[in-house]
Amino acid sequence: ASLERVSRFLNLFDPARVCRVVGGPHI
């Protein structure tokens, strides 16, 4: 249910400065 929203949220973090880790049964 949160996939699109989390995707937008992650894009608010610089991928060269913040290591993005996602988890959970769905991802």
PDB file of all heavy atoms in Angstrom:
ATOM      1  N   ALA A   1       0.811  -1.222   0.000  1.00  0.00           N
ATOM      2  CA  ALA A   1       0.000   0.000   0.000  1.00  0.00           C
ATOM      3  C   ALA A   1       0.842   1.268   0.000  1.00  0.00           C
ATOM      4  O   ALA A   1       0.396   2.314  -0.456  1.00  0.00           O
ATOM      5  CB  ALA A   1      -0.934   0.002   1.211  1.00  0.00           C
ATOM      6  N   SER A   2       2.076   1.188   0.503  1.00  0.00           N
ATOM      7  CA  SER A   2       2.896   2.392   0.618  1.00  0.00           C
ATOM      8  C   SER A   2       3.989   2.496  -0.441  1.00  0.00           C
ATOM      9  O   SER A   2       4.798   3.423  -0.394  1.00  0.00           O
ATOM     10  CB  SER A   2       3.533   2.447   2.008  1.00  0.00           C
ATOM     11  OG  SER A   2       4.437   1.379   2.187  1.00  0.00           O
ATOM     12  N   LEU A   3       4.026   1.606  -1.396  1.00  0.00           N
ATOM     13  CA  LEU A   3       5.124   1.541  -2.360  1.00  0.00           C
ATOM     14  C   LEU A   3       5.372   2.863  -3.080  1.00  0.00           C
ATOM     15  O   LEU A   3       6.496   3.370  -3.087  1.00  0.00           O
ATOM     16  CB  LEU A   3       4.867   0.423  -3.368  1.00  0.00           C
ATOM     17  CG  LEU A   3       5.972   0.171  -4.373  1.00  0.00           C
ATOM     18  CD1 LEU A   3       7.241  -0.280  -3.677  1.00  0.00           C
ATOM     19  CD2 LEU A   3       5.534  -0.863  -5.372  1.00  0.00           C
ATOM     20  N   GLU A   4       4.363   3.441  -3.682  1.00  0.00           N
ATOM     21  CA  GLU A   4       4.557   4.684  -4.432  1.00  0.00           C
ATOM     22  C   GLU A   4       4.953   5.828  -3.504  1.00  0.00           C
ATOM     23  O   GLU A   4       5.815   6.635  -3.831  1.00  0.00           O
ATOM     24  CB  GLU A   4       3.283   5.067  -5.216  1.00  0.00           C
ATOM     25  CG  GLU A   4       3.000   4.154  -6.392  1.00  0.00           C
ATOM     26  CD  GLU A   4       2.297   2.858  -5.981  1.00  0.00           C
ATOM     27  OE1 GLU A   4       1.801   2.758  -4.833  1.00  0.00           O
ATOM     28  OE2 GLU A   4       2.261   1.940  -6.815  1.00  0.00           O
ATOM     29  N   ARG A   5       4.334   5.874  -2.351  1.00  0.00           N
ATOM     30  CA  ARG A   5       4.630   6.947  -1.408  1.00  0.00           C
ATOM     31  C   ARG A   5       6.065   6.843  -0.883  1.00  0.00           C
ATOM     32  O   ARG A   5       6.781   7.838  -0.800  1.00  0.00           O
ATOM     33  CB  ARG A   5       3.631   6.889  -0.255  1.00  0.00           C
ATOM     34  CG  ARG A   5       3.769   8.034   0.689  1.00  0.00           C
ATOM     35  CD  ARG A   5       2.536   8.137   1.572  1.00  0.00           C
ATOM     36  NE  ARG A   5       2.785   9.142   2.568  1.00  0.00           N
ATOM     37  CZ  ARG A   5       2.592   8.961   3.850  1.00  0.00           C
ATOM     38  NH1 ARG A   5       2.094   7.826   4.298  1.00  0.00           N
ATOM     39  NH2 ARG A   5       2.840   9.919   4.704  1.00  0.00           N
ATOM     40  N   VAL A   6       6.498   5.645  -0.544  1.00  0.00           N
ATOM     41  CA  VAL A   6       7.865   5.454  -0.080  1.00  0.00           C
ATOM     42  C   VAL A   6       8.852   5.785  -1.196  1.00  0.00           C
ATOM     43  O   VAL A   6       9.898   6.383  -0.947  1.00  0.00           O
ATOM     44  CB  VAL A   6       8.080   4.016   0.454  1.00  0.00           C
ATOM     45  CG1 VAL A   6       9.551   3.721   0.675  1.00  0.00           C
ATOM     46  CG2 VAL A   6       7.307   3.813   1.743  1.00  0.00           C
ATOM     47  N   SER A   7       8.519   5.441  -2.421  1.00  0.00           N
ATOM     48  CA  SER A   7       9.393   5.770  -3.546  1.00  0.00           C
ATOM     49  C   SER A   7       9.596   7.275  -3.657  1.00  0.00           C
ATOM     50  O   SER A   7      10.723   7.746  -3.834  1.00  0.00           O
ATOM     51  CB  SER A   7       8.813   5.231  -4.857  1.00  0.00           C
ATOM     52  OG  SER A   7       8.809   3.836  -4.848  1.00  0.00           O
ATOM     53  N   ARG A   8       8.528   8.026  -3.544  1.00  0.00           N
ATOM     54  CA  ARG A   8       8.643   9.495  -3.582  1.00  0.00           C
ATOM     55  C   ARG A   8       9.455   9.999  -2.398  1.00  0.00           C
ATOM     56  O   ARG A   8      10.286  10.903  -2.525  1.00  0.00           O
ATOM     57  CB  ARG A   8       7.261  10.143  -3.606  1.00  0.00           C
ATOM     58  CG  ARG A   8       6.536   9.998  -4.932  1.00  0.00           C
ATOM     59  CD  ARG A   8       5.266  10.835  -5.000  1.00  0.00           C
ATOM     60  NE  ARG A   8       4.316  10.546  -3.951  1.00  0.00           N
ATOM     61  CZ  ARG A   8       3.380   9.597  -3.983  1.00  0.00           C
ATOM     62  NH1 ARG A   8       3.274   8.834  -5.056  1.00  0.00           N
ATOM     63  NH2 ARG A   8       2.559   9.408  -2.971  1.00  0.00           N
ATOM     64  N   PHE A   9       9.224   9.426  -1.220  1.00  0.00           N
ATOM     65  CA  PHE A   9       9.932   9.819  -0.007  1.00  0.00           C
ATOM     66  C   PHE A   9      11.441   9.578  -0.147  1.00  0.00           C
ATOM     67  O   PHE A   9      12.249  10.438   0.189  1.00  0.00           O
ATOM     68  CB  PHE A   9       9.364   9.042   1.188  1.00  0.00           C
ATOM     69  CG  PHE A   9       9.960   9.420   2.508  1.00  0.00           C
ATOM     70  CD1 PHE A   9       9.561  10.574   3.158  1.00  0.00           C
ATOM     71  CD2 PHE A   9      10.905   8.612   3.115  1.00  0.00           C
ATOM     72  CE1 PHE A   9      10.100  10.921   4.383  1.00  0.00           C
ATOM     73  CE2 PHE A   9      11.446   8.940   4.341  1.00  0.00           C
ATOM     74  CZ  PHE A   9      11.044  10.103   4.979  1.00  0.00           C
ATOM     75  N   LEU A  10      11.812   8.421  -0.654  1.00  0.00           N
ATOM     76  CA  LEU A  10      13.238   8.108  -0.815  1.00  0.00           C
ATOM     77  C   LEU A  10      13.937   9.110  -1.723  1.00  0.00           C
ATOM     78  O   LEU A  10      15.107   9.432  -1.529  1.00  0.00           O
ATOM     79  CB  LEU A  10      13.412   6.700  -1.381  1.00  0.00           C
ATOM     80  CG  LEU A  10      13.105   5.548  -0.438  1.00  0.00           C
ATOM     81  CD1 LEU A  10      13.149   4.226  -1.185  1.00  0.00           C
ATOM     82  CD2 LEU A  10      14.033   5.526   0.747  1.00  0.00           C
ATOM     83  N   ASN A  11      13.228   9.605  -2.703  1.00  0.00           N
ATOM     84  CA  ASN A  11      13.830  10.564  -3.630  1.00  0.00           C
ATOM     85  C   ASN A  11      14.090  11.925  -3.003  1.00  0.00           C
ATOM     86  O   ASN A  11      14.682  12.790  -3.640  1.00  0.00           O
ATOM     87  CB  ASN A  11      12.986  10.684  -4.896  1.00  0.00           C
ATOM     88  CG  ASN A  11      13.139   9.461  -5.760  1.00  0.00           C
ATOM     89  OD1 ASN A  11      14.221   8.880  -5.856  1.00  0.00           O
ATOM     90  ND2 ASN A  11      12.056   9.037  -6.381  1.00  0.00           N
ATOM     91  N   LEU A  12      13.686  12.120  -1.752  1.00  0.00           N
ATOM     92  CA  LEU A  12      13.974  13.355  -1.031  1.00  0.00           C
ATOM     93  C   LEU A  12      15.323  13.278  -0.308  1.00  0.00           C
ATOM     94  O   LEU A  12      15.686  14.190   0.428  1.00  0.00           O
ATOM     95  CB  LEU A  12      12.848  13.661  -0.034  1.00  0.00           C
ATOM     96  CG  LEU A  12      11.465  13.880  -0.673  1.00  0.00           C
ATOM     97  CD1 LEU A  12      10.394  14.014   0.408  1.00  0.00           C
ATOM     98  CD2 LEU A  12      11.481  15.109  -1.573  1.00  0.00           C
ATOM     99  N   PHE A  13      16.073  12.185  -0.546  1.00  0.00           N
ATOM    100  CA  PHE A  13      17.380  11.980   0.075  1.00  0.00           C
ATOM    101  C   PHE A  13      18.432  11.819  -1.012  1.00  0.00           C
ATOM    102  O   PHE A  13      18.245  11.044  -1.951  1.00  0.00           O
ATOM    103  CB  PHE A  13      17.351  10.740   0.979  1.00  0.00           C
ATOM    104  CG  PHE A  13      16.410  10.888   2.132  1.00  0.00           C
ATOM    105  CD1 PHE A  13      15.065  10.584   1.982  1.00  0.00           C
ATOM    106  CD2 PHE A  13      16.850  11.378   3.344  1.00  0.00           C
ATOM    107  CE1 PHE A  13      14.174  10.744   3.025  1.00  0.00           C
ATOM    108  CE2 PHE A  13      15.969  11.543   4.400  1.00  0.00           C
ATOM    109  CZ  PHE A  13      14.631  11.226   4.245  1.00  0.00           C
ATOM    110  N   ASP A  14      19.528  12.530  -0.877  1.00  0.00           N
ATOM    111  CA  ASP A  14      20.616  12.497  -1.848  1.00  0.00           C
ATOM    112  C   ASP A  14      21.247  11.096  -1.872  1.00  0.00           C
ATOM    113  O   ASP A  14      21.816  10.664  -0.868  1.00  0.00           O
ATOM    114  CB  ASP A  14      21.662  13.542  -1.464  1.00  0.00           C
ATOM    115  CG  ASP A  14      22.834  13.603  -2.421  1.00  0.00           C
ATOM    116  OD1 ASP A  14      22.916  12.782  -3.360  1.00  0.00           O
ATOM    117  OD2 ASP A  14      23.682  14.495  -2.219  1.00  0.00           O
ATOM    118  N   PRO A  15      21.163  10.383  -2.997  1.00  0.00           N
ATOM    119  CA  PRO A  15      21.699   9.018  -3.055  1.00  0.00           C
ATOM    120  C   PRO A  15      23.230   8.956  -3.007  1.00  0.00           C
ATOM    121  O   PRO A  15      23.802   7.884  -2.875  1.00  0.00           O
ATOM    122  CB  PRO A  15      21.168   8.475  -4.382  1.00  0.00           C
ATOM    123  CG  PRO A  15      20.950   9.684  -5.218  1.00  0.00           C
ATOM    124  CD  PRO A  15      20.559  10.785  -4.266  1.00  0.00           C
ATOM    125  N   ALA A  16      23.906  10.100  -3.093  1.00  0.00           N
ATOM    126  CA  ALA A  16      25.357  10.139  -2.956  1.00  0.00           C
ATOM    127  C   ALA A  16      25.767  10.456  -1.520  1.00  0.00           C
ATOM    128  O   ALA A  16      26.944  10.372  -1.173  1.00  0.00           O
ATOM    129  CB  ALA A  16      25.951  11.177  -3.899  1.00  0.00           C
ATOM    130  N   ARG A  17      24.799  10.805  -0.663  1.00  0.00           N
ATOM    131  CA  ARG A  17      25.091  11.162   0.728  1.00  0.00           C
ATOM    132  C   ARG A  17      24.457  10.205   1.726  1.00  0.00           C
ATOM    133  O   ARG A  17      24.977   9.990   2.809  1.00  0.00           O
ATOM    134  CB  ARG A  17      24.603  12.588   1.015  1.00  0.00           C
ATOM    135  CG  ARG A  17      25.018  13.123   2.376  1.00  0.00           C
ATOM    136  CD  ARG A  17      24.444  14.483   2.685  1.00  0.00           C
ATOM    137  NE  ARG A  17      23.051  14.444   3.095  1.00  0.00           N
ATOM    138  CZ  ARG A  17      22.607  14.013   4.272  1.00  0.00           C
ATOM    139  NH1 ARG A  17      23.422  13.536   5.159  1.00  0.00           N
ATOM    140  NH2 ARG A  17      21.325  14.046   4.562  1.00  0.00           N
ATOM    141  N   VAL A  18      23.291   9.632   1.368  1.00  0.00           N
ATOM    142  CA  VAL A  18      22.543   8.785   2.290  1.00  0.00           C
ATOM    143  C   VAL A  18      22.377   7.395   1.684  1.00  0.00           C
ATOM    144  O   VAL A  18      21.853   7.256   0.576  1.00  0.00           O
ATOM    145  CB  VAL A  18      21.151   9.392   2.597  1.00  0.00           C
ATOM    146  CG1 VAL A  18      20.332   8.464   3.479  1.00  0.00           C
ATOM    147  CG2 VAL A  18      21.293  10.769   3.238  1.00  0.00           C
ATOM    148  N   CYS A  19      22.824   6.387   2.422  1.00  0.00           N
ATOM    149  CA  CYS A  19      22.639   5.002   1.990  1.00  0.00           C
ATOM    150  C   CYS A  19      21.200   4.616   2.272  1.00  0.00           C
ATOM    151  O   CYS A  19      20.751   4.606   3.412  1.00  0.00           O
ATOM    152  CB  CYS A  19      23.603   4.100   2.765  1.00  0.00           C
ATOM    153  SG  CYS A  19      23.451   2.362   2.358  1.00  0.00           S
ATOM    154  N   ARG A  20      20.445   4.315   1.222  1.00  0.00           N
ATOM    155  CA  ARG A  20      19.030   3.979   1.337  1.00  0.00           C
ATOM    156  C   ARG A  20      18.856   2.462   1.425  1.00  0.00           C
ATOM    157  O   ARG A  20      19.271   1.738   0.526  1.00  0.00           O
ATOM    158  CB  ARG A  20      18.259   4.482   0.126  1.00  0.00           C
ATOM    159  CG  ARG A  20      18.371   5.974  -0.141  1.00  0.00           C
ATOM    160  CD  ARG A  20      17.708   6.273  -1.467  1.00  0.00           C
ATOM    161  NE  ARG A  20      17.871   7.638  -1.906  1.00  0.00           N
ATOM    162  CZ  ARG A  20      17.388   8.087  -3.065  1.00  0.00           C
ATOM    163  NH1 ARG A  20      16.716   7.277  -3.864  1.00  0.00           N
ATOM    164  NH2 ARG A  20      17.567   9.331  -3.400  1.00  0.00           N
ATOM    165  N   VAL A  21      18.223   2.018   2.517  1.00  0.00           N
ATOM    166  CA  VAL A  21      17.977   0.592   2.723  1.00  0.00           C
ATOM    167  C   VAL A  21      16.476   0.398   2.900  1.00  0.00           C
ATOM    168  O   VAL A  21      15.864   1.062   3.732  1.00  0.00           O
ATOM    169  CB  VAL A  21      18.720   0.065   3.975  1.00  0.00           C
ATOM    170  CG1 VAL A  21      18.457  -1.426   4.176  1.00  0.00           C
ATOM    171  CG2 VAL A  21      20.216   0.349   3.878  1.00  0.00           C
ATOM    172  N   VAL A  22      15.894  -0.472   2.108  1.00  0.00           N
ATOM    173  CA  VAL A  22      14.472  -0.781   2.239  1.00  0.00           C
ATOM    174  C   VAL A  22      14.316  -2.248   2.609  1.00  0.00           C
ATOM    175  O   VAL A  22      15.156  -3.079   2.285  1.00  0.00           O
ATOM    176  CB  VAL A  22      13.676  -0.462   0.954  1.00  0.00           C
ATOM    177  CG1 VAL A  22      13.673   1.036   0.666  1.00  0.00           C
ATOM    178  CG2 VAL A  22      14.213  -1.238  -0.238  1.00  0.00           C
ATOM    179  N   GLY A  23      13.234  -2.543   3.306  1.00  0.00           N
ATOM    180  CA  GLY A  23      12.983  -3.916   3.697  1.00  0.00           C
ATOM    181  C   GLY A  23      11.513  -4.131   3.967  1.00  0.00           C
ATOM    182  O   GLY A  23      10.703  -3.211   3.882  1.00  0.00           O
ATOM    183  N   GLY A  24      11.207  -5.358   4.284  1.00  0.00           N
ATOM    184  CA  GLY A  24       9.829  -5.724   4.553  1.00  0.00           C
ATOM    185  C   GLY A  24       9.409  -6.858   3.643  1.00  0.00           C
ATOM    186  O   GLY A  24      10.061  -7.130   2.631  1.00  0.00           O
ATOM    187  N   PRO A  25       8.324  -7.514   3.992  1.00  0.00           N
ATOM    188  CA  PRO A  25       7.904  -8.689   3.243  1.00  0.00           C
ATOM    189  C   PRO A  25       7.503  -8.394   1.804  1.00  0.00           C
ATOM    190  O   PRO A  25       7.605  -9.263   0.943  1.00  0.00           O
ATOM    191  CB  PRO A  25       6.715  -9.219   4.040  1.00  0.00           C
ATOM    192  CG  PRO A  25       6.223  -8.055   4.812  1.00  0.00           C
ATOM    193  CD  PRO A  25       7.421  -7.198   5.092  1.00  0.00           C
ATOM    194  N   HIS A  26       7.096  -7.191   1.525  1.00  0.00           N
ATOM    195  CA  HIS A  26       6.609  -6.882   0.185  1.00  0.00           C
ATOM    196  C   HIS A  26       7.738  -6.499  -0.761  1.00  0.00           C
ATOM    197  O   HIS A  26       7.758  -6.910  -1.913  1.00  0.00           O
ATOM    198  CB  HIS A  26       5.551  -5.779   0.240  1.00  0.00           C
ATOM    199  CG  HIS A  26       4.399  -6.146   1.110  1.00  0.00           C
ATOM    200  ND1 HIS A  26       3.157  -6.416   0.607  1.00  0.00           N
ATOM    201  CD2 HIS A  26       4.308  -6.330   2.452  1.00  0.00           C
ATOM    202  CE1 HIS A  26       2.348  -6.744   1.602  1.00  0.00           C
ATOM    203  NE2 HIS A  26       3.029  -6.694   2.722  1.00  0.00           N
ATOM    204  N   ILE A  27       8.684  -5.720  -0.267  1.00  0.00           N
ATOM    205  CA  ILE A  27       9.757  -5.230  -1.139  1.00  0.00           C
ATOM    206  C   ILE A  27      10.718  -6.348  -1.525  1.00  0.00           C
ATOM    207  O   ILE A  27      11.345  -6.305  -2.579  1.00  0.00           O
ATOM    208  CB  ILE A  27      10.505  -4.046  -0.485  1.00  0.00           C
ATOM    209  CG1 ILE A  27      11.289  -3.258  -1.533  1.00  0.00           C
ATOM    210  CG2 ILE A  27      11.401  -4.510   0.642  1.00  0.00           C
ATOM    211  CD1 ILE A  27      10.451  -2.653  -2.614  1.00  0.00           C
TER     212      ILE A  27
END
